[in-house]
């Protein structure tokens, strides 16, 4: 009788071990070393401290704080994105957006179209590239020093089909100076920061395996 009980114990242990292995193969396991997905493309080198004023805002998306939707509407828009993209985290998104803001401004200042290309939609890239070409043709330089990025807030969020869209209000203090070829000042005042409010809309196709968001619209408040 004892031998049968011993055999049963061994059999149950083998079955239990088999089930554990099956569960681990189906569900996977967390090691603590998983990398979070990058929401925005990263550049190889850090940004220069000298950045420049961006192109004229897209008037079609211009808005004021009075036009901002209530918080519960924004929250529902974020929830809609979460329902189709379980990896979406607003805090993580905003962290990436702050970096993207600095990256885009710096790349535009340098006239680096190659660096701008993966960060912008086709339409926005064309506008930025045109502004860079006009600056080069006029032999002018633009200097913008971002003193600080005061705040980044989500003011709109939702889905357009399967495309997630999030609009941010970015408030910063900047020193903007435009210089002619001889170094004389055409516009702006060195050493005098001005508060600037920008509204940037980022988008991403939730069906795509590419986790990166791109800038699809800009305006100034």
N, C-alpha and C. Protein backbone atom coordinates (compact mmCIF):
# COMPACT_ATOMS: atom_id res chain seq x y z
N UNK A 1 0.83 -1.21 0.00
CA UNK A 1 0.00 0.00 0.00
C UNK A 1 0.86 1.26 0.00
N UNK A 2 1.94 1.21 0.81
CA UNK A 2 2.83 2.35 0.89
C UNK A 2 3.50 2.64 -0.43
N UNK A 3 3.83 1.56 -1.18
CA UNK A 3 4.48 1.76 -2.46
C UNK A 3 3.58 2.47 -3.46
N UNK A 4 2.26 2.14 -3.42
CA UNK A 4 1.30 2.82 -4.30
C UNK A 4 1.18 4.30 -3.96
N UNK A 5 1.15 4.63 -2.63
CA UNK A 5 1.05 6.02 -2.22
C UNK A 5 2.29 6.79 -2.67
N UNK A 6 3.46 6.15 -2.55
CA UNK A 6 4.70 6.80 -2.97
C UNK A 6 4.68 7.06 -4.47
N UNK A 7 4.18 6.09 -5.23
CA UNK A 7 4.07 6.26 -6.69
C UNK A 7 3.11 7.39 -7.05
N UNK A 8 1.97 7.49 -6.29
CA UNK A 8 1.00 8.57 -6.54
C UNK A 8 1.63 9.93 -6.30
N UNK A 9 2.43 10.05 -5.26
CA UNK A 9 3.06 11.34 -4.93
C UNK A 9 3.99 11.77 -6.06
N UNK A 10 4.78 10.81 -6.55
CA UNK A 10 5.70 11.12 -7.64
C UNK A 10 4.93 11.53 -8.90
N UNK A 11 3.82 10.83 -9.17
CA UNK A 11 3.02 11.14 -10.35
C UNK A 11 2.43 12.53 -10.26
N UNK A 12 1.87 12.89 -9.08
CA UNK A 12 1.28 14.22 -8.90
C UNK A 12 2.34 15.31 -9.03
N UNK A 13 3.55 15.03 -8.53
CA UNK A 13 4.63 16.02 -8.61
C UNK A 13 5.01 16.26 -10.07
N UNK A 14 5.05 15.18 -10.85
CA UNK A 14 5.39 15.32 -12.26
C UNK A 14 4.33 16.11 -13.01
N UNK A 15 3.05 15.86 -12.69
CA UNK A 15 1.95 16.59 -13.33
C UNK A 15 2.02 18.07 -12.96
N UNK A 16 2.28 18.35 -11.67
CA UNK A 16 2.36 19.74 -11.21
C UNK A 16 3.50 20.47 -11.90
N UNK A 17 4.65 19.80 -12.02
CA UNK A 17 5.79 20.42 -12.68
C UNK A 17 5.50 20.72 -14.14
N UNK A 18 4.82 19.79 -14.81
CA UNK A 18 4.45 20.00 -16.21
C UNK A 18 3.54 21.21 -16.37
N UNK A 19 2.55 21.37 -15.46
CA UNK A 19 1.63 22.50 -15.53
C UNK A 19 2.34 23.82 -15.31
N UNK A 20 3.28 23.86 -14.36
CA UNK A 20 4.04 25.08 -14.11
C UNK A 20 4.82 25.50 -15.34
N UNK A 21 5.49 24.54 -15.98
CA UNK A 21 6.25 24.85 -17.19
C UNK A 21 5.34 25.37 -18.30
N UNK A 22 4.16 24.78 -18.44
CA UNK A 22 3.22 25.23 -19.47
C UNK A 22 2.76 26.66 -19.22
N UNK A 23 2.45 26.98 -17.95
CA UNK A 23 1.99 28.32 -17.63
C UNK A 23 3.08 29.36 -17.91
N UNK A 24 4.32 29.00 -17.56
CA UNK A 24 5.41 29.94 -17.78
C UNK A 24 5.65 30.16 -19.27
N UNK A 25 5.47 29.13 -20.06
CA UNK A 25 5.68 29.28 -21.50
C UNK A 25 4.59 30.11 -22.14
N UNK A 26 3.36 30.05 -21.60
CA UNK A 26 2.23 30.79 -22.17
C UNK A 26 2.23 32.23 -21.69
N UNK A 27 2.41 32.47 -20.38
CA UNK A 27 2.30 33.80 -19.80
C UNK A 27 3.62 34.55 -19.80
N UNK A 28 4.70 33.82 -19.85
CA UNK A 28 6.00 34.47 -19.74
C UNK A 28 6.28 34.82 -18.29
N UNK A 29 7.44 35.37 -18.06
CA UNK A 29 7.76 35.77 -16.69
C UNK A 29 8.53 37.07 -16.73
N UNK A 30 8.41 37.88 -15.70
CA UNK A 30 9.09 39.16 -15.59
C UNK A 30 10.38 38.96 -14.84
N UNK A 31 11.45 39.49 -15.38
CA UNK A 31 12.76 39.35 -14.76
C UNK A 31 13.19 40.61 -14.02
N UNK A 32 12.44 41.72 -14.24
CA UNK A 32 12.84 43.00 -13.65
C UNK A 32 13.76 43.79 -14.57
N UNK A 33 14.16 43.20 -15.72
CA UNK A 33 15.07 43.87 -16.64
C UNK A 33 14.38 44.29 -17.93
N UNK A 34 13.04 44.21 -17.98
CA UNK A 34 12.33 44.57 -19.21
C UNK A 34 12.53 46.05 -19.49
N UNK A 35 12.71 46.40 -20.78
CA UNK A 35 12.86 47.80 -21.16
C UNK A 35 11.50 48.38 -21.51
N UNK A 36 11.25 49.62 -21.03
CA UNK A 36 10.04 50.31 -21.42
C UNK A 36 10.17 50.75 -22.87
N UNK A 37 9.06 50.73 -23.60
CA UNK A 37 9.11 51.16 -24.99
C UNK A 37 9.39 52.65 -25.08
N UNK A 38 10.22 53.05 -26.01
CA UNK A 38 10.48 54.46 -26.24
C UNK A 38 9.30 55.03 -27.00
N UNK A 39 8.67 56.09 -26.44
CA UNK A 39 7.52 56.69 -27.10
C UNK A 39 7.93 57.61 -28.22
N UNK A 40 9.15 58.12 -28.17
CA UNK A 40 9.63 59.05 -29.18
C UNK A 40 11.02 58.61 -29.60
N UNK A 41 11.38 58.81 -30.87
CA UNK A 41 12.73 58.44 -31.30
C UNK A 41 13.77 59.18 -30.48
N UNK A 42 14.88 58.51 -30.22
CA UNK A 42 15.96 59.13 -29.46
C UNK A 42 17.09 59.52 -30.40
N UNK A 43 17.81 60.58 -30.05
CA UNK A 43 18.97 60.96 -30.84
C UNK A 43 20.22 60.47 -30.15
N UNK A 44 21.29 60.41 -30.90
CA UNK A 44 22.54 59.87 -30.37
C UNK A 44 23.25 60.85 -29.45
N UNK A 45 23.21 62.14 -29.79
CA UNK A 45 23.96 63.13 -29.01
C UNK A 45 23.00 64.05 -28.29
N UNK A 46 23.41 64.64 -27.14
CA UNK A 46 22.55 65.57 -26.42
C UNK A 46 22.33 66.85 -27.21
N UNK A 47 21.25 67.55 -26.89
CA UNK A 47 20.90 68.77 -27.62
C UNK A 47 21.86 69.89 -27.30
N UNK A 48 22.00 70.81 -28.26
CA UNK A 48 22.75 72.02 -28.00
C UNK A 48 21.94 72.95 -27.13
N UNK A 49 22.62 73.81 -26.38
CA UNK A 49 21.91 74.77 -25.54
C UNK A 49 21.27 75.86 -26.38
N UNK A 50 21.75 76.05 -27.61
CA UNK A 50 21.20 77.08 -28.47
C UNK A 50 20.17 76.47 -29.39
N UNK A 51 18.93 76.90 -29.22
CA UNK A 51 17.85 76.42 -30.06
C UNK A 51 17.13 77.62 -30.63
N UNK A 52 16.17 77.36 -31.50
CA UNK A 52 15.59 78.48 -32.23
C UNK A 52 14.07 78.46 -32.23
N UNK A 53 13.49 79.62 -32.49
CA UNK A 53 12.04 79.71 -32.59
C UNK A 53 11.56 78.85 -33.75
N UNK A 54 10.50 78.13 -33.58
CA UNK A 54 10.00 77.26 -34.64
C UNK A 54 9.18 78.04 -35.64
N UNK A 55 8.71 77.32 -36.65
CA UNK A 55 7.97 77.94 -37.74
C UNK A 55 6.66 78.53 -37.25
N UNK A 56 6.05 79.30 -38.14
CA UNK A 56 4.77 79.91 -37.80
C UNK A 56 3.74 78.82 -37.45
N UNK A 57 2.87 79.09 -36.45
CA UNK A 57 1.91 78.07 -36.04
C UNK A 57 0.89 77.76 -37.11
N UNK A 58 0.37 76.56 -37.05
CA UNK A 58 -0.70 76.13 -37.94
C UNK A 58 -1.99 76.74 -37.43
N UNK A 59 -2.51 77.73 -38.14
CA UNK A 59 -3.70 78.47 -37.68
C UNK A 59 -4.92 77.58 -37.52
N UNK A 60 -4.95 76.45 -38.23
CA UNK A 60 -6.13 75.58 -38.16
C UNK A 60 -6.29 74.94 -36.80
N UNK A 61 -5.18 74.83 -36.03
CA UNK A 61 -5.28 74.18 -34.74
C UNK A 61 -5.04 75.15 -33.60
N UNK A 62 -4.98 76.47 -33.91
CA UNK A 62 -4.78 77.46 -32.86
C UNK A 62 -5.94 77.41 -31.87
N UNK A 63 -5.62 77.60 -30.61
CA UNK A 63 -6.64 77.54 -29.57
C UNK A 63 -6.21 78.40 -28.39
N UNK A 64 -7.13 78.69 -27.52
CA UNK A 64 -6.81 79.42 -26.30
C UNK A 64 -7.22 78.56 -25.12
N UNK A 65 -6.82 78.98 -23.93
CA UNK A 65 -7.17 78.21 -22.74
C UNK A 65 -8.68 78.17 -22.54
N UNK A 66 -9.37 79.18 -23.04
CA UNK A 66 -10.83 79.21 -22.89
C UNK A 66 -11.48 78.11 -23.71
N UNK A 67 -10.77 77.66 -24.77
CA UNK A 67 -11.33 76.62 -25.63
C UNK A 67 -11.01 75.22 -25.14
N UNK A 68 -10.18 75.11 -24.10
CA UNK A 68 -9.74 73.79 -23.63
C UNK A 68 -10.92 73.00 -23.09
N UNK A 69 -11.02 71.71 -23.43
CA UNK A 69 -12.12 70.89 -22.92
C UNK A 69 -11.97 70.62 -21.44
N UNK A 70 -13.07 70.32 -20.73
CA UNK A 70 -12.97 70.03 -19.30
C UNK A 70 -12.14 68.79 -19.03
N UNK A 71 -11.67 68.69 -17.77
CA UNK A 71 -10.75 67.61 -17.40
C UNK A 71 -11.36 66.23 -17.62
N UNK A 72 -12.67 66.08 -17.37
CA UNK A 72 -13.27 64.76 -17.52
C UNK A 72 -13.31 64.33 -18.99
N UNK A 73 -13.40 65.29 -19.91
CA UNK A 73 -13.37 64.97 -21.33
C UNK A 73 -11.98 64.49 -21.72
N UNK A 74 -10.95 65.16 -21.20
CA UNK A 74 -9.57 64.75 -21.46
C UNK A 74 -9.32 63.36 -20.89
N UNK A 75 -9.81 63.13 -19.67
CA UNK A 75 -9.62 61.82 -19.03
C UNK A 75 -10.28 60.71 -19.84
N UNK A 76 -11.47 60.97 -20.37
CA UNK A 76 -12.16 59.96 -21.18
C UNK A 76 -11.39 59.70 -22.47
N UNK A 77 -10.81 60.77 -23.04
CA UNK A 77 -10.01 60.59 -24.24
C UNK A 77 -8.79 59.71 -23.98
N UNK A 78 -8.15 59.91 -22.84
CA UNK A 78 -7.00 59.08 -22.46
C UNK A 78 -7.43 57.63 -22.24
N UNK A 79 -8.60 57.45 -21.65
CA UNK A 79 -9.11 56.09 -21.43
C UNK A 79 -9.41 55.39 -22.75
N UNK A 80 -9.90 56.13 -23.73
CA UNK A 80 -10.15 55.54 -25.04
C UNK A 80 -8.85 55.04 -25.67
N UNK A 81 -7.78 55.82 -25.50
CA UNK A 81 -6.49 55.39 -26.04
C UNK A 81 -6.02 54.14 -25.30
N UNK A 82 -6.18 54.11 -23.98
CA UNK A 82 -5.75 52.95 -23.19
C UNK A 82 -6.48 51.68 -23.61
N UNK A 83 -7.74 51.83 -23.98
CA UNK A 83 -8.52 50.65 -24.33
C UNK A 83 -8.02 49.98 -25.60
N UNK A 84 -7.40 50.74 -26.49
CA UNK A 84 -6.87 50.13 -27.72
C UNK A 84 -5.36 49.95 -27.65
N UNK A 85 -4.72 50.57 -26.65
CA UNK A 85 -3.27 50.44 -26.47
C UNK A 85 -2.98 50.34 -24.98
N UNK A 86 -2.93 49.11 -24.48
CA UNK A 86 -2.79 48.90 -23.03
C UNK A 86 -1.44 49.37 -22.51
N UNK A 87 -0.47 49.59 -23.39
CA UNK A 87 0.85 50.04 -22.96
C UNK A 87 0.92 51.55 -22.76
N UNK A 88 -0.13 52.28 -23.16
CA UNK A 88 -0.11 53.74 -23.07
C UNK A 88 -0.20 54.20 -21.62
N UNK A 89 0.76 55.02 -21.21
CA UNK A 89 0.79 55.60 -19.87
C UNK A 89 0.97 57.11 -20.02
N UNK A 90 -0.01 57.92 -19.61
CA UNK A 90 0.09 59.38 -19.78
C UNK A 90 1.36 59.98 -19.18
N UNK A 91 1.77 59.53 -17.99
CA UNK A 91 2.97 60.08 -17.36
C UNK A 91 4.21 59.78 -18.19
N UNK A 92 4.30 58.56 -18.70
CA UNK A 92 5.42 58.17 -19.54
C UNK A 92 5.40 58.94 -20.85
N UNK A 93 4.20 59.12 -21.41
CA UNK A 93 4.05 59.88 -22.64
C UNK A 93 4.54 61.32 -22.46
N UNK A 94 4.14 61.97 -21.36
CA UNK A 94 4.52 63.36 -21.13
C UNK A 94 6.02 63.50 -20.92
N UNK A 95 6.62 62.51 -20.29
CA UNK A 95 8.07 62.51 -20.11
C UNK A 95 8.77 62.48 -21.47
N UNK A 96 8.28 61.62 -22.35
CA UNK A 96 8.85 61.55 -23.69
C UNK A 96 8.58 62.81 -24.49
N UNK A 97 7.40 63.41 -24.30
CA UNK A 97 7.05 64.62 -25.04
C UNK A 97 7.94 65.80 -24.66
N UNK A 98 8.30 65.90 -23.40
CA UNK A 98 9.21 66.97 -22.97
C UNK A 98 10.55 66.84 -23.70
N UNK A 99 11.05 65.61 -23.79
CA UNK A 99 12.31 65.39 -24.49
C UNK A 99 12.15 65.68 -25.98
N UNK A 100 11.01 65.26 -26.55
CA UNK A 100 10.77 65.50 -27.97
C UNK A 100 10.72 66.99 -28.28
N UNK A 101 10.13 67.77 -27.39
CA UNK A 101 10.04 69.22 -27.57
C UNK A 101 11.45 69.81 -27.70
N UNK A 102 12.33 69.43 -26.78
CA UNK A 102 13.70 69.95 -26.80
C UNK A 102 14.46 69.45 -28.04
N UNK A 103 14.25 68.18 -28.39
CA UNK A 103 14.92 67.61 -29.55
C UNK A 103 14.52 68.32 -30.83
N UNK A 104 13.22 68.55 -31.00
CA UNK A 104 12.71 69.17 -32.23
C UNK A 104 13.18 70.61 -32.34
N UNK A 105 13.09 71.35 -31.24
CA UNK A 105 13.52 72.75 -31.26
C UNK A 105 15.01 72.85 -31.58
N UNK A 106 15.81 71.98 -30.96
CA UNK A 106 17.26 72.01 -31.20
C UNK A 106 17.59 71.64 -32.64
N UNK A 107 16.92 70.61 -33.17
CA UNK A 107 17.19 70.18 -34.54
C UNK A 107 16.79 71.26 -35.55
N UNK A 108 15.69 71.94 -35.28
CA UNK A 108 15.26 73.02 -36.17
C UNK A 108 16.28 74.16 -36.14
N UNK A 109 16.81 74.46 -34.97
CA UNK A 109 17.80 75.52 -34.84
C UNK A 109 19.04 75.21 -35.66
N UNK A 110 19.44 73.96 -35.66
CA UNK A 110 20.63 73.55 -36.41
C UNK A 110 20.34 73.40 -37.90
N UNK A 111 19.07 73.40 -38.26
CA UNK A 111 18.71 73.15 -39.65
C UNK A 111 18.93 71.71 -40.04
N UNK A 112 18.81 70.82 -39.05
CA UNK A 112 19.09 69.40 -39.26
C UNK A 112 17.81 68.67 -39.69
N UNK A 113 17.58 68.62 -40.99
CA UNK A 113 16.37 67.98 -41.51
C UNK A 113 16.37 66.48 -41.26
N UNK A 114 17.55 65.87 -41.30
CA UNK A 114 17.63 64.42 -41.10
C UNK A 114 17.18 64.04 -39.70
N UNK A 115 17.51 64.87 -38.74
CA UNK A 115 17.09 64.57 -37.37
C UNK A 115 15.61 64.86 -37.16
N UNK A 116 15.09 65.86 -37.86
CA UNK A 116 13.67 66.21 -37.73
C UNK A 116 12.76 65.18 -38.38
N UNK A 117 13.22 64.57 -39.48
CA UNK A 117 12.35 63.72 -40.31
C UNK A 117 11.59 62.66 -39.52
N UNK A 118 12.22 61.85 -38.65
CA UNK A 118 11.45 60.80 -37.96
C UNK A 118 10.56 61.32 -36.84
N UNK A 119 10.70 62.60 -36.49
CA UNK A 119 9.94 63.16 -35.38
C UNK A 119 8.65 63.84 -35.83
N UNK A 120 8.53 64.10 -37.14
CA UNK A 120 7.43 64.91 -37.65
C UNK A 120 6.61 64.17 -38.70
N UNK A 121 5.33 64.55 -38.79
CA UNK A 121 4.51 64.04 -39.88
C UNK A 121 4.99 64.68 -41.18
N UNK A 122 4.53 64.16 -42.32
CA UNK A 122 4.95 64.70 -43.61
C UNK A 122 4.62 66.18 -43.73
N UNK A 123 3.40 66.56 -43.36
CA UNK A 123 2.96 67.95 -43.50
C UNK A 123 3.78 68.88 -42.64
N UNK A 124 3.98 68.52 -41.37
CA UNK A 124 4.74 69.37 -40.47
C UNK A 124 6.20 69.44 -40.91
N UNK A 125 6.75 68.33 -41.37
CA UNK A 125 8.14 68.33 -41.82
C UNK A 125 8.32 69.28 -43.00
N UNK A 126 7.36 69.29 -43.93
CA UNK A 126 7.46 70.18 -45.08
C UNK A 126 7.49 71.64 -44.64
N UNK A 127 6.68 71.99 -43.66
CA UNK A 127 6.66 73.37 -43.16
C UNK A 127 7.98 73.73 -42.49
N UNK A 128 8.50 72.81 -41.68
CA UNK A 128 9.77 73.07 -41.00
C UNK A 128 10.91 73.18 -42.00
N UNK A 129 10.93 72.29 -42.98
CA UNK A 129 11.99 72.31 -43.98
C UNK A 129 11.95 73.60 -44.81
N UNK A 130 10.74 74.07 -45.13
CA UNK A 130 10.61 75.30 -45.88
C UNK A 130 11.14 76.48 -45.08
N UNK A 131 10.85 76.51 -43.78
CA UNK A 131 11.33 77.60 -42.93
C UNK A 131 12.86 77.57 -42.84
N UNK A 132 13.43 76.38 -42.76
CA UNK A 132 14.90 76.26 -42.72
C UNK A 132 15.50 76.78 -44.02
N UNK A 133 14.91 76.41 -45.15
CA UNK A 133 15.42 76.85 -46.45
C UNK A 133 15.33 78.37 -46.58
N UNK A 134 14.24 78.96 -46.10
CA UNK A 134 14.07 80.41 -46.18
C UNK A 134 15.12 81.12 -45.31
N UNK A 135 15.42 80.55 -44.16
CA UNK A 135 16.42 81.12 -43.27
C UNK A 135 17.79 81.09 -43.92
N UNK A 136 18.12 79.97 -44.55
CA UNK A 136 19.41 79.83 -45.22
C UNK A 136 19.51 80.82 -46.39
N UNK A 137 18.42 80.96 -47.15
CA UNK A 137 18.42 81.88 -48.30
C UNK A 137 18.60 83.33 -47.86
N UNK A 138 18.03 83.68 -46.74
CA UNK A 138 18.12 85.05 -46.22
C UNK A 138 19.43 85.30 -45.49
N UNK A 139 20.20 84.23 -45.28
CA UNK A 139 21.47 84.31 -44.54
C UNK A 139 21.26 84.90 -43.15
N UNK A 140 20.21 84.46 -42.54
CA UNK A 140 19.91 84.88 -41.17
C UNK A 140 20.11 83.70 -40.22
N UNK A 141 20.35 84.03 -38.97
CA UNK A 141 20.46 83.01 -37.93
C UNK A 141 19.43 83.31 -36.85
N UNK A 142 18.91 82.23 -36.28
CA UNK A 142 17.93 82.36 -35.21
C UNK A 142 18.51 81.73 -33.96
N UNK A 143 18.47 82.45 -32.88
CA UNK A 143 18.98 81.95 -31.61
C UNK A 143 17.84 81.95 -30.59
N UNK A 144 17.61 80.81 -30.00
CA UNK A 144 16.59 80.73 -28.94
C UNK A 144 17.17 79.93 -27.79
N UNK A 145 17.26 80.54 -26.67
CA UNK A 145 17.71 79.84 -25.47
C UNK A 145 16.49 79.57 -24.61
N UNK A 146 16.19 78.30 -24.38
CA UNK A 146 15.07 77.95 -23.51
C UNK A 146 15.53 78.05 -22.06
N UNK A 147 15.09 79.09 -21.39
CA UNK A 147 15.45 79.28 -19.98
C UNK A 147 14.90 78.14 -19.13
N UNK A 148 13.64 77.81 -19.37
CA UNK A 148 13.02 76.71 -18.64
C UNK A 148 11.72 76.32 -19.33
N UNK A 149 11.38 75.06 -19.18
CA UNK A 149 10.09 74.56 -19.65
C UNK A 149 9.21 74.47 -18.42
N UNK A 150 8.33 75.46 -18.25
CA UNK A 150 7.58 75.62 -17.01
C UNK A 150 6.56 74.52 -16.79
N UNK A 151 5.83 74.16 -17.83
CA UNK A 151 4.77 73.17 -17.64
C UNK A 151 4.45 72.46 -18.94
N UNK A 152 4.00 71.22 -18.80
CA UNK A 152 3.53 70.41 -19.93
C UNK A 152 2.22 69.76 -19.48
N UNK A 153 1.13 70.11 -20.12
CA UNK A 153 -0.19 69.60 -19.73
C UNK A 153 -0.92 69.02 -20.93
N UNK A 154 -1.62 67.93 -20.71
CA UNK A 154 -2.47 67.35 -21.75
C UNK A 154 -3.79 68.11 -21.77
N UNK A 155 -4.12 68.69 -22.92
CA UNK A 155 -5.36 69.46 -23.02
C UNK A 155 -6.39 68.79 -23.92
N UNK A 156 -5.96 67.85 -24.77
CA UNK A 156 -6.89 67.10 -25.60
C UNK A 156 -6.33 65.70 -25.82
N UNK A 157 -7.20 64.73 -25.92
CA UNK A 157 -6.77 63.36 -26.17
C UNK A 157 -7.94 62.58 -26.75
N UNK A 158 -7.60 61.62 -27.60
CA UNK A 158 -8.67 60.80 -28.17
C UNK A 158 -8.17 59.97 -29.33
N UNK A 159 -9.13 59.42 -30.07
CA UNK A 159 -8.82 58.56 -31.21
C UNK A 159 -9.48 59.12 -32.46
N UNK A 160 -8.75 59.05 -33.57
CA UNK A 160 -9.30 59.33 -34.89
C UNK A 160 -9.18 58.02 -35.65
N UNK A 161 -10.24 57.24 -35.62
CA UNK A 161 -10.16 55.88 -36.13
C UNK A 161 -9.32 55.07 -35.16
N UNK A 162 -8.21 54.53 -35.64
CA UNK A 162 -7.29 53.79 -34.78
C UNK A 162 -6.04 54.59 -34.47
N UNK A 163 -6.05 55.89 -34.82
CA UNK A 163 -4.90 56.74 -34.56
C UNK A 163 -5.11 57.52 -33.27
N UNK A 164 -4.20 57.34 -32.32
CA UNK A 164 -4.26 58.07 -31.06
C UNK A 164 -3.68 59.47 -31.27
N UNK A 165 -4.34 60.47 -30.69
CA UNK A 165 -3.87 61.84 -30.79
C UNK A 165 -3.91 62.49 -29.41
N UNK A 166 -2.82 63.15 -29.05
CA UNK A 166 -2.72 63.84 -27.76
C UNK A 166 -2.16 65.23 -28.00
N UNK A 167 -2.87 66.25 -27.51
CA UNK A 167 -2.42 67.63 -27.65
C UNK A 167 -1.91 68.13 -26.31
N UNK A 168 -0.73 68.72 -26.33
CA UNK A 168 -0.10 69.23 -25.13
C UNK A 168 -0.02 70.75 -25.16
N UNK A 169 -0.17 71.34 -23.99
CA UNK A 169 0.10 72.77 -23.83
C UNK A 169 1.46 72.88 -23.15
N UNK A 170 2.43 73.49 -23.84
CA UNK A 170 3.78 73.62 -23.33
C UNK A 170 4.08 75.10 -23.08
N UNK A 171 4.36 75.44 -21.85
CA UNK A 171 4.67 76.82 -21.47
C UNK A 171 6.16 76.89 -21.14
N UNK A 172 6.86 77.78 -21.82
CA UNK A 172 8.29 77.91 -21.60
C UNK A 172 8.70 79.38 -21.58
N UNK A 173 9.87 79.64 -21.03
CA UNK A 173 10.48 80.97 -21.09
C UNK A 173 11.69 80.87 -22.00
N UNK A 174 11.68 81.71 -23.06
CA UNK A 174 12.72 81.62 -24.07
C UNK A 174 13.29 83.01 -24.38
N UNK A 175 14.53 83.02 -24.84
CA UNK A 175 15.16 84.23 -25.36
C UNK A 175 15.30 84.02 -26.87
N UNK A 176 14.59 84.81 -27.64
CA UNK A 176 14.58 84.65 -29.10
C UNK A 176 15.27 85.83 -29.77
N UNK A 177 16.25 85.55 -30.60
CA UNK A 177 16.99 86.60 -31.31
C UNK A 177 17.20 86.18 -32.76
N UNK A 178 16.84 87.06 -33.69
CA UNK A 178 17.11 86.84 -35.11
C UNK A 178 18.22 87.80 -35.53
N UNK A 179 19.27 87.26 -36.16
CA UNK A 179 20.41 88.08 -36.58
C UNK A 179 20.58 88.02 -38.09
N UNK A 180 21.00 89.14 -38.64
CA UNK A 180 21.34 89.21 -40.07
C UNK A 180 22.72 88.61 -40.29
N UNK A 181 23.14 88.55 -41.55
CA UNK A 181 24.42 87.94 -41.90
C UNK A 181 25.58 88.65 -41.20
N UNK A 182 25.47 89.98 -40.98
CA UNK A 182 26.57 90.73 -40.36
C UNK A 182 26.52 90.69 -38.84
N UNK A 183 25.56 89.92 -38.29
CA UNK A 183 25.46 89.79 -36.84
C UNK A 183 24.53 90.79 -36.19
N UNK A 184 24.03 91.75 -36.94
CA UNK A 184 23.11 92.73 -36.37
C UNK A 184 21.77 92.07 -36.06
N UNK A 185 21.09 92.62 -35.07
CA UNK A 185 19.84 92.04 -34.60
C UNK A 185 18.68 92.52 -35.47
N UNK A 186 17.95 91.57 -36.02
CA UNK A 186 16.77 91.87 -36.82
C UNK A 186 15.53 91.88 -35.94
N UNK A 187 15.48 90.98 -34.99
CA UNK A 187 14.31 90.87 -34.10
C UNK A 187 14.75 90.23 -32.80
N UNK A 188 14.06 90.61 -31.70
CA UNK A 188 14.35 90.02 -30.41
C UNK A 188 15.34 90.83 -29.61
N UNK A 189 15.54 90.38 -28.36
CA UNK A 189 16.44 91.09 -27.46
C UNK A 189 17.24 90.08 -26.64
N UNK A 190 18.56 90.07 -26.78
CA UNK A 190 19.38 89.15 -26.00
C UNK A 190 19.21 89.39 -24.50
N UNK A 191 19.16 88.30 -23.75
CA UNK A 191 19.08 88.41 -22.31
C UNK A 191 17.70 88.73 -21.76
N UNK A 192 16.70 88.77 -22.63
CA UNK A 192 15.35 89.10 -22.18
C UNK A 192 14.41 87.94 -22.50
N UNK A 193 14.21 87.03 -21.55
CA UNK A 193 13.31 85.89 -21.78
C UNK A 193 11.86 86.32 -21.90
N UNK A 194 11.15 85.63 -22.77
CA UNK A 194 9.73 85.89 -22.99
C UNK A 194 8.96 84.59 -22.79
N UNK A 195 7.82 84.68 -22.11
CA UNK A 195 7.00 83.49 -21.93
C UNK A 195 6.34 83.10 -23.25
N UNK A 196 6.41 81.84 -23.58
CA UNK A 196 5.86 81.34 -24.85
C UNK A 196 4.98 80.14 -24.56
N UNK A 197 3.80 80.12 -25.17
CA UNK A 197 2.86 79.00 -25.01
C UNK A 197 2.66 78.33 -26.36
N UNK A 198 2.94 77.04 -26.40
CA UNK A 198 2.78 76.27 -27.63
C UNK A 198 1.78 75.14 -27.40
N UNK A 199 1.06 74.81 -28.45
CA UNK A 199 0.17 73.64 -28.44
C UNK A 199 0.67 72.69 -29.52
N UNK A 200 1.12 71.53 -29.09
CA UNK A 200 1.64 70.53 -30.02
C UNK A 200 0.78 69.27 -29.94
N UNK A 201 0.43 68.74 -31.10
CA UNK A 201 -0.36 67.52 -31.17
C UNK A 201 0.51 66.39 -31.70
N UNK A 202 0.58 65.31 -30.93
CA UNK A 202 1.33 64.12 -31.32
C UNK A 202 0.34 63.01 -31.67
N UNK A 203 0.73 62.14 -32.57
CA UNK A 203 -0.16 61.06 -33.00
C UNK A 203 0.63 59.77 -33.20
N UNK A 204 -0.11 58.65 -33.09
CA UNK A 204 0.50 57.34 -33.34
C UNK A 204 -0.58 56.36 -33.76
N UNK A 205 -0.28 55.56 -34.79
CA UNK A 205 -1.20 54.51 -35.24
C UNK A 205 -1.12 53.36 -34.23
N UNK A 206 -2.21 53.11 -33.51
CA UNK A 206 -2.20 52.09 -32.46
C UNK A 206 -2.07 50.68 -33.02
N UNK A 207 -2.26 50.51 -34.33
CA UNK A 207 -2.10 49.19 -34.94
C UNK A 207 -0.65 48.91 -35.33
N UNK A 208 0.18 49.95 -35.29
CA UNK A 208 1.56 49.80 -35.72
C UNK A 208 2.42 49.19 -34.61
N UNK A 209 3.42 48.44 -35.01
CA UNK A 209 4.38 47.89 -34.03
C UNK A 209 5.40 48.95 -33.63
N UNK A 210 5.45 50.06 -34.36
CA UNK A 210 6.36 51.16 -34.02
C UNK A 210 5.75 51.93 -32.86
N UNK A 211 6.43 52.00 -31.71
CA UNK A 211 5.86 52.68 -30.54
C UNK A 211 5.99 54.19 -30.58
N UNK A 212 6.69 54.75 -31.56
CA UNK A 212 7.00 56.17 -31.57
C UNK A 212 5.81 57.03 -31.99
N UNK A 213 5.72 58.20 -31.35
CA UNK A 213 4.73 59.22 -31.68
C UNK A 213 5.42 60.27 -32.54
N UNK A 214 4.63 60.95 -33.41
CA UNK A 214 5.19 62.01 -34.26
C UNK A 214 4.35 63.27 -34.08
N UNK A 215 4.99 64.41 -34.31
CA UNK A 215 4.31 65.70 -34.21
C UNK A 215 3.51 65.94 -35.48
N UNK A 216 2.20 66.17 -35.33
CA UNK A 216 1.33 66.32 -36.49
C UNK A 216 0.71 67.71 -36.62
N UNK A 217 0.81 68.55 -35.58
CA UNK A 217 0.25 69.90 -35.65
C UNK A 217 0.87 70.77 -34.58
N UNK A 218 1.03 72.06 -34.88
CA UNK A 218 1.55 73.01 -33.90
C UNK A 218 0.74 74.30 -33.97
N UNK A 219 0.66 74.99 -32.85
CA UNK A 219 0.06 76.32 -32.81
C UNK A 219 0.61 77.04 -31.59
N UNK A 220 0.40 78.34 -31.54
CA UNK A 220 0.86 79.15 -30.40
C UNK A 220 -0.33 79.83 -29.76
N UNK A 221 -0.28 79.96 -28.44
CA UNK A 221 -1.37 80.57 -27.71
C UNK A 221 -1.07 82.01 -27.36
